[in-house]
N, C-alpha and C. Protein backbone atom coordinates (compact mmCIF):
# COMPACT_ATOMS: atom_id res chain seq x y z
N MET A 1 -40.60 -145.47 61.31
CA MET A 1 -41.26 -144.25 61.67
C MET A 1 -41.33 -144.13 63.19
N GLY A 2 -41.53 -145.21 63.84
CA GLY A 2 -41.58 -145.20 65.30
C GLY A 2 -40.26 -144.72 65.89
N LYS A 3 -39.11 -145.08 65.23
CA LYS A 3 -37.81 -144.65 65.74
C LYS A 3 -37.66 -143.15 65.62
N LYS A 4 -38.14 -142.58 64.51
CA LYS A 4 -38.01 -141.14 64.32
C LYS A 4 -38.81 -140.38 65.37
N LEU A 5 -40.01 -140.87 65.73
CA LEU A 5 -40.82 -140.22 66.75
C LEU A 5 -40.10 -140.27 68.09
N LYS A 6 -39.48 -141.40 68.37
CA LYS A 6 -38.77 -141.54 69.64
C LYS A 6 -37.59 -140.60 69.68
N GLU A 7 -36.87 -140.46 68.60
CA GLU A 7 -35.73 -139.56 68.55
C GLU A 7 -36.19 -138.13 68.76
N LEU A 8 -37.31 -137.75 68.16
CA LEU A 8 -37.82 -136.40 68.33
C LEU A 8 -38.31 -136.17 69.76
N ALA A 9 -38.95 -137.15 70.31
CA ALA A 9 -39.48 -137.01 71.66
C ALA A 9 -38.35 -136.98 72.68
N GLY A 10 -37.29 -137.62 72.37
CA GLY A 10 -36.13 -137.61 73.25
C GLY A 10 -36.37 -138.40 74.52
N ASP A 11 -36.45 -137.74 75.65
CA ASP A 11 -36.58 -138.38 76.95
C ASP A 11 -38.02 -138.71 77.28
N VAL A 12 -38.94 -138.46 76.40
CA VAL A 12 -40.36 -138.68 76.66
C VAL A 12 -40.64 -140.16 76.56
N THR A 13 -41.42 -140.67 77.49
CA THR A 13 -41.76 -142.08 77.48
C THR A 13 -42.90 -142.33 76.51
N GLU A 14 -43.11 -143.60 76.29
CA GLU A 14 -44.16 -143.97 75.34
C GLU A 14 -45.54 -143.55 75.83
N SER A 15 -45.80 -143.65 77.06
CA SER A 15 -47.11 -143.27 77.58
C SER A 15 -47.32 -141.77 77.48
N GLN A 16 -46.25 -141.01 77.70
CA GLN A 16 -46.38 -139.57 77.55
C GLN A 16 -46.62 -139.22 76.07
N LEU A 17 -45.93 -139.91 75.22
CA LEU A 17 -46.09 -139.69 73.79
C LEU A 17 -47.51 -140.02 73.36
N ALA A 18 -48.02 -141.12 73.87
CA ALA A 18 -49.39 -141.52 73.52
C ALA A 18 -50.38 -140.47 74.01
N SER A 19 -50.18 -139.97 75.21
CA SER A 19 -51.11 -138.96 75.71
C SER A 19 -50.98 -137.65 74.93
N THR A 20 -49.79 -137.29 74.49
CA THR A 20 -49.61 -136.08 73.68
C THR A 20 -50.32 -136.23 72.34
N VAL A 21 -50.17 -137.39 71.72
CA VAL A 21 -50.84 -137.66 70.43
C VAL A 21 -52.35 -137.64 70.63
N LYS A 22 -52.76 -138.24 71.77
CA LYS A 22 -54.20 -138.29 72.05
C LYS A 22 -54.75 -136.88 72.24
N GLU A 23 -54.03 -136.03 72.96
CA GLU A 23 -54.47 -134.66 73.17
C GLU A 23 -54.50 -133.89 71.85
N SER A 24 -53.50 -134.11 71.03
CA SER A 24 -53.46 -133.43 69.71
C SER A 24 -54.63 -133.87 68.84
N ALA A 25 -54.90 -135.16 68.87
CA ALA A 25 -56.03 -135.66 68.09
C ALA A 25 -57.34 -135.07 68.61
N GLN A 26 -57.44 -134.96 69.94
CA GLN A 26 -58.63 -134.38 70.55
C GLN A 26 -58.77 -132.92 70.11
N GLN A 27 -57.67 -132.16 70.12
CA GLN A 27 -57.71 -130.75 69.71
C GLN A 27 -58.08 -130.62 68.23
N ILE A 28 -57.54 -131.50 67.42
CA ILE A 28 -57.88 -131.47 65.97
C ILE A 28 -59.36 -131.77 65.79
N TRP A 29 -59.85 -132.76 66.54
CA TRP A 29 -61.27 -133.10 66.48
C TRP A 29 -62.13 -131.90 66.89
N LEU A 30 -61.76 -131.26 68.00
CA LEU A 30 -62.53 -130.10 68.48
C LEU A 30 -62.45 -128.93 67.49
N ALA A 31 -61.29 -128.74 66.89
CA ALA A 31 -61.15 -127.68 65.88
C ALA A 31 -62.05 -127.96 64.68
N GLY A 32 -62.14 -129.21 64.30
CA GLY A 32 -63.02 -129.59 63.18
C GLY A 32 -64.49 -129.34 63.53
N LEU A 33 -64.88 -129.73 64.77
CA LEU A 33 -66.25 -129.46 65.20
C LEU A 33 -66.54 -127.96 65.24
N GLY A 34 -65.58 -127.19 65.74
CA GLY A 34 -65.75 -125.74 65.77
C GLY A 34 -65.90 -125.16 64.37
N ALA A 35 -65.08 -125.64 63.44
CA ALA A 35 -65.16 -125.17 62.06
C ALA A 35 -66.50 -125.54 61.44
N PHE A 36 -66.96 -126.76 61.76
CA PHE A 36 -68.26 -127.20 61.25
C PHE A 36 -69.39 -126.32 61.80
N ALA A 37 -69.36 -126.03 63.11
CA ALA A 37 -70.38 -125.18 63.73
C ALA A 37 -70.34 -123.78 63.15
N LYS A 38 -69.13 -123.25 62.98
CA LYS A 38 -68.97 -121.91 62.40
C LYS A 38 -69.50 -121.89 60.97
N ALA A 39 -69.22 -122.92 60.22
CA ALA A 39 -69.70 -123.00 58.84
C ALA A 39 -71.22 -123.09 58.80
N GLN A 40 -71.78 -123.85 59.77
CA GLN A 40 -73.25 -123.94 59.81
C GLN A 40 -73.85 -122.58 60.13
N GLU A 41 -73.28 -121.91 61.13
CA GLU A 41 -73.79 -120.61 61.54
C GLU A 41 -73.63 -119.60 60.40
N GLU A 42 -72.46 -119.52 59.85
CA GLU A 42 -72.20 -118.59 58.75
C GLU A 42 -72.95 -119.01 57.49
N GLY A 43 -73.10 -120.31 57.31
CA GLY A 43 -73.82 -120.80 56.13
C GLY A 43 -75.26 -120.34 56.15
N GLY A 44 -75.90 -120.37 57.31
CA GLY A 44 -77.27 -119.88 57.43
C GLY A 44 -77.35 -118.40 57.11
N LYS A 45 -76.36 -117.64 57.63
CA LYS A 45 -76.32 -116.20 57.35
C LYS A 45 -76.08 -115.96 55.87
N VAL A 46 -75.14 -116.70 55.31
CA VAL A 46 -74.83 -116.56 53.88
C VAL A 46 -76.07 -116.94 53.05
N PHE A 47 -76.74 -118.00 53.46
CA PHE A 47 -77.94 -118.41 52.74
C PHE A 47 -79.00 -117.31 52.79
N ASP A 48 -79.23 -116.75 53.99
CA ASP A 48 -80.22 -115.67 54.12
C ASP A 48 -79.82 -114.46 53.27
N ALA A 49 -78.52 -114.13 53.28
CA ALA A 49 -78.03 -113.01 52.48
C ALA A 49 -78.25 -113.28 50.99
N LEU A 50 -78.02 -114.51 50.56
CA LEU A 50 -78.23 -114.87 49.15
C LEU A 50 -79.71 -114.79 48.78
N VAL A 51 -80.60 -115.20 49.69
CA VAL A 51 -82.04 -115.12 49.43
C VAL A 51 -82.45 -113.66 49.27
N LYS A 52 -81.97 -112.79 50.17
CA LYS A 52 -82.30 -111.36 50.08
C LYS A 52 -81.79 -110.77 48.77
N GLU A 53 -80.58 -111.11 48.41
CA GLU A 53 -80.01 -110.60 47.15
C GLU A 53 -80.81 -111.11 45.95
N GLY A 54 -81.22 -112.36 45.99
CA GLY A 54 -82.04 -112.92 44.91
C GLY A 54 -83.38 -112.21 44.79
N GLU A 55 -84.01 -111.91 45.95
CA GLU A 55 -85.29 -111.19 45.91
C GLU A 55 -85.11 -109.79 45.32
N SER A 56 -84.01 -109.14 45.70
CA SER A 56 -83.73 -107.80 45.17
C SER A 56 -83.53 -107.84 43.65
N ILE A 57 -82.76 -108.79 43.20
CA ILE A 57 -82.51 -108.92 41.76
C ILE A 57 -83.81 -109.25 41.03
N GLN A 58 -84.62 -110.12 41.62
CA GLN A 58 -85.89 -110.50 40.98
C GLN A 58 -86.83 -109.29 40.86
N SER A 59 -86.91 -108.47 41.91
CA SER A 59 -87.80 -107.30 41.84
C SER A 59 -87.30 -106.29 40.81
N ARG A 60 -85.98 -106.07 40.75
CA ARG A 60 -85.44 -105.15 39.73
C ARG A 60 -85.69 -105.68 38.33
N THR A 61 -85.49 -106.97 38.15
CA THR A 61 -85.71 -107.58 36.84
C THR A 61 -87.17 -107.48 36.44
N ARG A 62 -88.06 -107.74 37.38
CA ARG A 62 -89.49 -107.66 37.10
C ARG A 62 -89.88 -106.23 36.71
N LYS A 63 -89.35 -105.25 37.44
CA LYS A 63 -89.65 -103.84 37.17
C LYS A 63 -89.17 -103.46 35.76
N MET A 64 -87.95 -103.84 35.43
CA MET A 64 -87.41 -103.53 34.11
C MET A 64 -88.21 -104.24 33.02
N THR A 65 -88.60 -105.47 33.27
CA THR A 65 -89.38 -106.23 32.29
C THR A 65 -90.74 -105.59 32.08
N ASP A 66 -91.40 -105.17 33.17
CA ASP A 66 -92.70 -104.51 33.04
C ASP A 66 -92.59 -103.21 32.25
N GLU A 67 -91.51 -102.43 32.49
CA GLU A 67 -91.31 -101.19 31.74
C GLU A 67 -91.13 -101.48 30.26
N ARG A 68 -90.33 -102.49 29.95
CA ARG A 68 -90.10 -102.84 28.55
C ARG A 68 -91.39 -103.31 27.88
N ILE A 69 -92.15 -104.11 28.60
CA ILE A 69 -93.41 -104.62 28.05
C ILE A 69 -94.36 -103.47 27.78
N SER A 70 -94.44 -102.51 28.70
CA SER A 70 -95.34 -101.38 28.49
C SER A 70 -94.88 -100.53 27.31
N GLN A 71 -93.57 -100.36 27.14
CA GLN A 71 -93.06 -99.61 26.00
C GLN A 71 -93.42 -100.31 24.69
N VAL A 72 -93.17 -101.60 24.65
CA VAL A 72 -93.46 -102.36 23.43
C VAL A 72 -94.96 -102.39 23.16
N ALA A 73 -95.76 -102.54 24.22
CA ALA A 73 -97.22 -102.56 24.04
C ALA A 73 -97.71 -101.22 23.52
N GLY A 74 -97.14 -100.12 24.02
CA GLY A 74 -97.52 -98.79 23.53
C GLY A 74 -97.20 -98.62 22.06
N LYS A 75 -96.03 -99.05 21.67
CA LYS A 75 -95.64 -98.96 20.26
C LYS A 75 -96.54 -99.84 19.40
N ALA A 76 -96.83 -101.05 19.89
CA ALA A 76 -97.68 -101.97 19.12
C ALA A 76 -99.09 -101.41 18.98
N ALA A 77 -99.62 -100.81 20.04
CA ALA A 77 -100.97 -100.25 19.96
C ALA A 77 -101.03 -99.13 18.93
N GLY A 78 -100.01 -98.27 18.93
CA GLY A 78 -99.97 -97.19 17.94
C GLY A 78 -99.89 -97.75 16.53
N THR A 79 -99.11 -98.77 16.35
CA THR A 79 -98.98 -99.40 15.03
C THR A 79 -100.29 -100.03 14.61
N TRP A 80 -100.96 -100.73 15.53
CA TRP A 80 -102.25 -101.35 15.19
C TRP A 80 -103.29 -100.29 14.85
N ASP A 81 -103.28 -99.16 15.59
CA ASP A 81 -104.25 -98.09 15.30
C ASP A 81 -104.03 -97.54 13.89
N ARG A 82 -102.77 -97.30 13.55
CA ARG A 82 -102.47 -96.79 12.20
C ARG A 82 -102.86 -97.81 11.13
N LEU A 83 -102.54 -99.08 11.39
CA LEU A 83 -102.87 -100.13 10.43
C LEU A 83 -104.39 -100.24 10.26
N GLU A 84 -105.12 -100.16 11.36
CA GLU A 84 -106.58 -100.23 11.30
C GLU A 84 -107.15 -99.06 10.49
N GLN A 85 -106.60 -97.85 10.70
CA GLN A 85 -107.08 -96.67 9.98
C GLN A 85 -106.81 -96.82 8.48
N VAL A 86 -105.61 -97.29 8.12
CA VAL A 86 -105.28 -97.50 6.71
C VAL A 86 -106.24 -98.52 6.10
N PHE A 87 -106.50 -99.60 6.81
CA PHE A 87 -107.42 -100.63 6.32
C PHE A 87 -108.82 -100.05 6.12
N GLU A 88 -109.32 -99.30 7.11
CA GLU A 88 -110.66 -98.70 6.98
C GLU A 88 -110.73 -97.74 5.80
N ASP A 89 -109.69 -96.93 5.61
CA ASP A 89 -109.68 -95.99 4.48
C ASP A 89 -109.71 -96.74 3.15
N ARG A 90 -108.94 -97.80 3.04
CA ARG A 90 -108.90 -98.55 1.78
C ARG A 90 -110.23 -99.24 1.50
N VAL A 91 -110.83 -99.80 2.54
CA VAL A 91 -112.14 -100.45 2.37
C VAL A 91 -113.18 -99.42 1.96
N ALA A 92 -113.15 -98.24 2.59
CA ALA A 92 -114.12 -97.19 2.25
C ALA A 92 -113.94 -96.74 0.80
N ARG A 93 -112.68 -96.60 0.36
CA ARG A 93 -112.44 -96.21 -1.03
C ARG A 93 -112.93 -97.29 -1.99
N ALA A 94 -112.67 -98.56 -1.66
CA ALA A 94 -113.11 -99.65 -2.53
C ALA A 94 -114.63 -99.70 -2.61
N LEU A 95 -115.29 -99.56 -1.47
CA LEU A 95 -116.76 -99.57 -1.47
C LEU A 95 -117.30 -98.36 -2.22
N GLY A 96 -116.66 -97.22 -2.07
CA GLY A 96 -117.08 -96.02 -2.80
C GLY A 96 -116.94 -96.19 -4.30
N SER A 97 -115.85 -96.83 -4.73
CA SER A 97 -115.66 -97.03 -6.17
C SER A 97 -116.67 -98.04 -6.73
N LEU A 98 -117.19 -98.91 -5.87
CA LEU A 98 -118.21 -99.87 -6.31
C LEU A 98 -119.62 -99.28 -6.24
N GLY A 99 -119.72 -98.05 -5.71
CA GLY A 99 -121.02 -97.41 -5.64
C GLY A 99 -121.81 -97.77 -4.39
N VAL A 100 -121.17 -98.36 -3.40
CA VAL A 100 -121.86 -98.70 -2.16
C VAL A 100 -121.94 -97.44 -1.31
N PRO A 101 -123.13 -97.05 -0.89
CA PRO A 101 -123.25 -95.82 -0.11
C PRO A 101 -122.63 -95.99 1.29
N SER A 102 -122.12 -94.86 1.79
CA SER A 102 -121.51 -94.90 3.13
C SER A 102 -122.60 -94.76 4.19
N LYS A 103 -122.24 -94.93 5.43
CA LYS A 103 -123.19 -94.80 6.54
C LYS A 103 -123.75 -93.38 6.56
N GLN A 104 -122.89 -92.39 6.32
CA GLN A 104 -123.35 -91.00 6.31
C GLN A 104 -124.36 -90.78 5.18
N ASP A 105 -124.11 -91.36 4.00
CA ASP A 105 -125.06 -91.23 2.89
C ASP A 105 -126.42 -91.83 3.27
N ILE A 106 -126.40 -93.00 3.89
CA ILE A 106 -127.65 -93.67 4.27
C ILE A 106 -128.36 -92.87 5.35
N ASP A 107 -127.60 -92.31 6.31
CA ASP A 107 -128.21 -91.49 7.35
C ASP A 107 -128.87 -90.24 6.75
N ASN A 108 -128.19 -89.60 5.78
CA ASN A 108 -128.77 -88.42 5.12
C ASN A 108 -130.04 -88.79 4.36
N LEU A 109 -129.98 -89.92 3.65
CA LEU A 109 -131.17 -90.36 2.90
C LEU A 109 -132.32 -90.71 3.85
N SER A 110 -132.01 -91.34 4.94
CA SER A 110 -133.05 -91.69 5.91
C SER A 110 -133.73 -90.44 6.45
N LYS A 111 -132.94 -89.42 6.76
CA LYS A 111 -133.52 -88.17 7.26
C LYS A 111 -134.40 -87.52 6.19
N ARG A 112 -133.92 -87.52 4.96
CA ARG A 112 -134.73 -86.94 3.88
C ARG A 112 -136.03 -87.71 3.69
N VAL A 113 -135.96 -89.05 3.76
CA VAL A 113 -137.16 -89.87 3.59
C VAL A 113 -138.15 -89.57 4.71
N ILE A 114 -137.68 -89.44 5.91
CA ILE A 114 -138.57 -89.13 7.03
C ILE A 114 -139.23 -87.78 6.83
N ASP A 115 -138.44 -86.78 6.40
CA ASP A 115 -139.00 -85.44 6.15
C ASP A 115 -140.02 -85.49 5.02
N LEU A 116 -139.68 -86.19 3.94
CA LEU A 116 -140.60 -86.28 2.81
C LEU A 116 -141.86 -87.07 3.17
N SER A 117 -141.70 -88.09 4.00
CA SER A 117 -142.87 -88.86 4.44
C SER A 117 -143.82 -87.97 5.23
N ALA A 118 -143.26 -87.10 6.05
CA ALA A 118 -144.11 -86.18 6.81
C ALA A 118 -144.84 -85.24 5.89
N VAL A 119 -144.16 -84.75 4.86
CA VAL A 119 -144.80 -83.84 3.90
C VAL A 119 -145.90 -84.58 3.15
N VAL A 120 -145.62 -85.79 2.68
CA VAL A 120 -146.62 -86.57 1.95
C VAL A 120 -147.81 -86.89 2.85
N GLN A 121 -147.54 -87.26 4.08
CA GLN A 121 -148.61 -87.58 5.03
C GLN A 121 -149.49 -86.35 5.24
N ALA A 122 -148.86 -85.19 5.39
CA ALA A 122 -149.62 -83.97 5.60
C ALA A 122 -150.46 -83.64 4.38
N LEU A 123 -149.91 -83.84 3.19
CA LEU A 123 -150.65 -83.54 1.97
C LEU A 123 -151.82 -84.51 1.78
N THR A 124 -151.63 -85.77 2.11
CA THR A 124 -152.71 -86.73 1.93
C THR A 124 -153.82 -86.53 2.94
N GLU A 125 -153.49 -85.94 4.08
CA GLU A 125 -154.52 -85.68 5.07
C GLU A 125 -155.20 -84.34 4.83
N GLY A 126 -154.75 -83.59 3.83
CA GLY A 126 -155.38 -82.33 3.47
C GLY A 126 -154.86 -81.17 4.29
N LYS A 127 -153.80 -81.31 4.97
CA LYS A 127 -153.23 -80.21 5.75
C LYS A 127 -152.20 -79.51 4.90
N ALA A 128 -151.85 -78.31 5.33
CA ALA A 128 -150.78 -77.59 4.64
C ALA A 128 -149.47 -78.30 4.95
N ALA A 129 -148.64 -78.42 3.96
CA ALA A 129 -147.38 -79.14 4.14
C ALA A 129 -146.43 -78.34 5.01
N PRO A 130 -145.83 -78.98 5.99
CA PRO A 130 -144.84 -78.25 6.78
C PRO A 130 -143.62 -77.97 5.93
N LYS A 131 -143.02 -76.83 6.16
CA LYS A 131 -141.85 -76.47 5.36
C LYS A 131 -140.65 -77.25 5.88
N VAL A 132 -140.05 -77.97 4.99
CA VAL A 132 -138.89 -78.78 5.33
C VAL A 132 -137.76 -78.39 4.40
N ALA A 133 -136.62 -78.09 4.98
CA ALA A 133 -135.47 -77.75 4.16
C ALA A 133 -134.88 -79.04 3.63
N ILE A 134 -134.97 -79.20 2.32
CA ILE A 134 -134.46 -80.41 1.70
C ILE A 134 -133.15 -80.05 1.02
N LYS A 135 -132.11 -80.76 1.43
CA LYS A 135 -130.79 -80.52 0.85
C LYS A 135 -130.43 -81.72 0.00
N PRO A 136 -129.85 -81.50 -1.16
CA PRO A 136 -129.46 -82.65 -1.98
C PRO A 136 -128.30 -83.39 -1.30
N ALA A 137 -128.34 -84.71 -1.44
CA ALA A 137 -127.26 -85.53 -0.88
C ALA A 137 -126.07 -85.46 -1.81
N VAL A 138 -124.95 -84.97 -1.33
CA VAL A 138 -123.75 -84.83 -2.14
C VAL A 138 -122.62 -85.51 -1.39
N LYS A 139 -121.91 -86.36 -2.11
CA LYS A 139 -120.74 -86.99 -1.50
C LYS A 139 -119.66 -85.93 -1.35
N GLU A 140 -118.81 -86.09 -0.32
CA GLU A 140 -117.77 -85.12 -0.05
C GLU A 140 -116.75 -85.05 -1.17
N ASP A 141 -116.45 -86.16 -1.79
CA ASP A 141 -115.40 -86.18 -2.80
C ASP A 141 -115.93 -86.02 -4.22
N SER A 142 -117.23 -85.83 -4.38
CA SER A 142 -117.78 -85.67 -5.72
C SER A 142 -118.12 -84.22 -5.95
N ALA A 143 -118.28 -83.86 -7.23
CA ALA A 143 -118.60 -82.48 -7.59
C ALA A 143 -120.05 -82.19 -7.23
N PRO A 144 -120.35 -80.93 -6.88
CA PRO A 144 -121.74 -80.61 -6.53
C PRO A 144 -122.66 -80.79 -7.73
N VAL A 145 -123.86 -81.21 -7.45
CA VAL A 145 -124.84 -81.45 -8.50
C VAL A 145 -125.53 -80.14 -8.82
N GLU A 146 -125.58 -79.81 -10.12
CA GLU A 146 -126.25 -78.60 -10.57
C GLU A 146 -127.75 -78.82 -10.52
N PRO A 147 -128.49 -77.91 -9.89
CA PRO A 147 -129.94 -78.10 -9.84
C PRO A 147 -130.56 -77.90 -11.22
N ALA A 148 -131.61 -78.63 -11.48
CA ALA A 148 -132.34 -78.48 -12.75
C ALA A 148 -133.07 -77.14 -12.71
N GLU A 149 -133.48 -76.70 -13.89
CA GLU A 149 -134.18 -75.42 -13.93
C GLU A 149 -135.42 -75.51 -13.08
N ALA A 150 -135.54 -74.52 -12.24
CA ALA A 150 -136.67 -74.53 -11.31
C ALA A 150 -137.93 -74.11 -12.04
N LYS A 151 -138.96 -74.90 -11.90
CA LYS A 151 -140.25 -74.55 -12.49
C LYS A 151 -141.07 -73.91 -11.41
N PRO A 152 -141.78 -72.90 -11.73
CA PRO A 152 -142.60 -72.27 -10.70
C PRO A 152 -143.66 -73.27 -10.24
N ALA A 153 -143.80 -73.33 -8.95
CA ALA A 153 -144.77 -74.26 -8.39
C ALA A 153 -146.17 -73.67 -8.51
N VAL A 154 -147.06 -74.46 -9.01
CA VAL A 154 -148.45 -74.03 -9.16
C VAL A 154 -149.20 -74.65 -7.99
N ALA A 155 -149.73 -73.80 -7.20
CA ALA A 155 -150.45 -74.28 -6.03
C ALA A 155 -151.85 -74.71 -6.44
N LYS A 156 -152.15 -75.95 -6.19
CA LYS A 156 -153.46 -76.45 -6.48
C LYS A 156 -154.16 -76.62 -5.14
N PRO A 157 -155.42 -76.36 -5.13
CA PRO A 157 -156.12 -76.57 -3.87
C PRO A 157 -156.14 -78.06 -3.55
N ALA A 158 -155.91 -78.35 -2.32
CA ALA A 158 -155.89 -79.75 -1.89
C ALA A 158 -157.31 -80.29 -1.87
N ALA A 159 -157.45 -81.44 -2.49
CA ALA A 159 -158.76 -82.06 -2.51
C ALA A 159 -158.99 -82.74 -1.18
N ARG A 160 -160.13 -82.54 -0.63
CA ARG A 160 -160.46 -83.18 0.64
C ARG A 160 -160.94 -84.58 0.38
N LYS A 161 -160.38 -85.48 1.14
CA LYS A 161 -160.79 -86.87 1.00
C LYS A 161 -161.77 -87.17 2.10
N PRO A 162 -162.59 -88.11 1.86
CA PRO A 162 -163.53 -88.47 2.92
C PRO A 162 -162.78 -89.03 4.13
N ALA A 163 -163.38 -88.94 5.28
CA ALA A 163 -162.75 -89.36 6.52
C ALA A 163 -162.51 -90.86 6.55
N ALA A 164 -163.22 -91.62 5.77
CA ALA A 164 -163.10 -93.07 5.80
C ALA A 164 -161.90 -93.57 5.00
N ALA A 165 -161.15 -92.68 4.35
CA ALA A 165 -160.03 -93.11 3.52
C ALA A 165 -158.92 -93.70 4.41
N LYS A 166 -158.26 -94.70 3.86
CA LYS A 166 -157.18 -95.34 4.61
C LYS A 166 -155.97 -94.41 4.64
N PRO A 167 -155.29 -94.34 5.79
CA PRO A 167 -154.08 -93.51 5.83
C PRO A 167 -152.96 -94.21 5.07
N VAL A 168 -152.10 -93.42 4.49
CA VAL A 168 -150.98 -93.95 3.73
C VAL A 168 -149.88 -94.33 4.72
N PRO A 169 -149.38 -95.55 4.62
CA PRO A 169 -148.32 -95.94 5.56
C PRO A 169 -147.05 -95.13 5.28
N PRO A 170 -146.29 -94.81 6.31
CA PRO A 170 -145.07 -94.03 6.08
C PRO A 170 -144.04 -94.86 5.29
N VAL A 171 -143.22 -94.16 4.56
CA VAL A 171 -142.21 -94.80 3.73
C VAL A 171 -140.95 -94.99 4.58
N THR A 172 -140.39 -96.17 4.54
CA THR A 172 -139.17 -96.46 5.30
C THR A 172 -137.95 -96.27 4.42
N PRO A 173 -136.78 -96.08 5.02
CA PRO A 173 -135.56 -95.96 4.22
C PRO A 173 -135.32 -97.19 3.35
N ALA A 174 -135.71 -98.35 3.82
CA ALA A 174 -135.51 -99.56 3.02
C ALA A 174 -136.35 -99.51 1.74
N ASP A 175 -137.58 -98.94 1.85
CA ASP A 175 -138.42 -98.80 0.66
C ASP A 175 -137.76 -97.90 -0.36
N VAL A 176 -137.17 -96.81 0.11
CA VAL A 176 -136.51 -95.86 -0.80
C VAL A 176 -135.31 -96.51 -1.44
N LEU A 177 -134.52 -97.23 -0.66
CA LEU A 177 -133.33 -97.87 -1.23
C LEU A 177 -133.71 -98.92 -2.27
N ASN A 178 -134.84 -99.58 -2.09
CA ASN A 178 -135.28 -100.58 -3.06
C ASN A 178 -135.72 -99.94 -4.37
N THR A 179 -136.10 -98.67 -4.36
CA THR A 179 -136.56 -98.01 -5.58
C THR A 179 -135.41 -97.32 -6.32
N LEU A 180 -134.23 -97.22 -5.69
CA LEU A 180 -133.09 -96.57 -6.36
C LEU A 180 -132.59 -97.44 -7.49
N PRO A 181 -132.11 -96.83 -8.58
CA PRO A 181 -131.57 -97.64 -9.69
C PRO A 181 -130.28 -98.33 -9.23
N GLN A 182 -130.14 -99.55 -9.66
CA GLN A 182 -128.96 -100.33 -9.30
C GLN A 182 -127.83 -99.98 -10.25
N THR A 183 -126.64 -99.77 -9.70
CA THR A 183 -125.47 -99.47 -10.54
C THR A 183 -124.71 -100.76 -10.81
N GLY A 184 -124.08 -100.83 -11.93
CA GLY A 184 -123.27 -102.01 -12.27
C GLY A 184 -124.08 -103.13 -12.88
N ASP A 185 -125.36 -102.97 -13.12
CA ASP A 185 -126.17 -104.04 -13.73
C ASP A 185 -126.18 -103.93 -15.22
């Protein structure tokens, strides 16, 4: 190999050849350092560009995910509301078929008991009874109740009780419910 280099170099001496090789090696070394520096500089820029691109993709992905979640949550809420309504309707029908009064029935009875208690209290104290419109409690899904034949009311004079008589305690809705006939027994 040494002979081939000498033939190529021709009239060049060994020291000149050595210095040429040395200069070439130096240039190759410097080119490598330059490439390394350029790669470091560009690598930092590329890294920063990749970070920015990643942040952009992450924000778009998050936005799309939040939209999807809100859509699914909206659909699920609607489904749960419908399911809850169906469940409530079925429970109300089952309780109605068992003869359990609804909240509205109990509220109507409570109002009637309060009105009747006021009338009874007024009568026991010897006062004229206040006129109270009493409506029969009728379930919405049941047939209206036919009133019994009305008997003419005979007004009797109220007997006056002595002042020392004990007042009658008012009747509570619980008292009325306890006196109702039990169904299913």
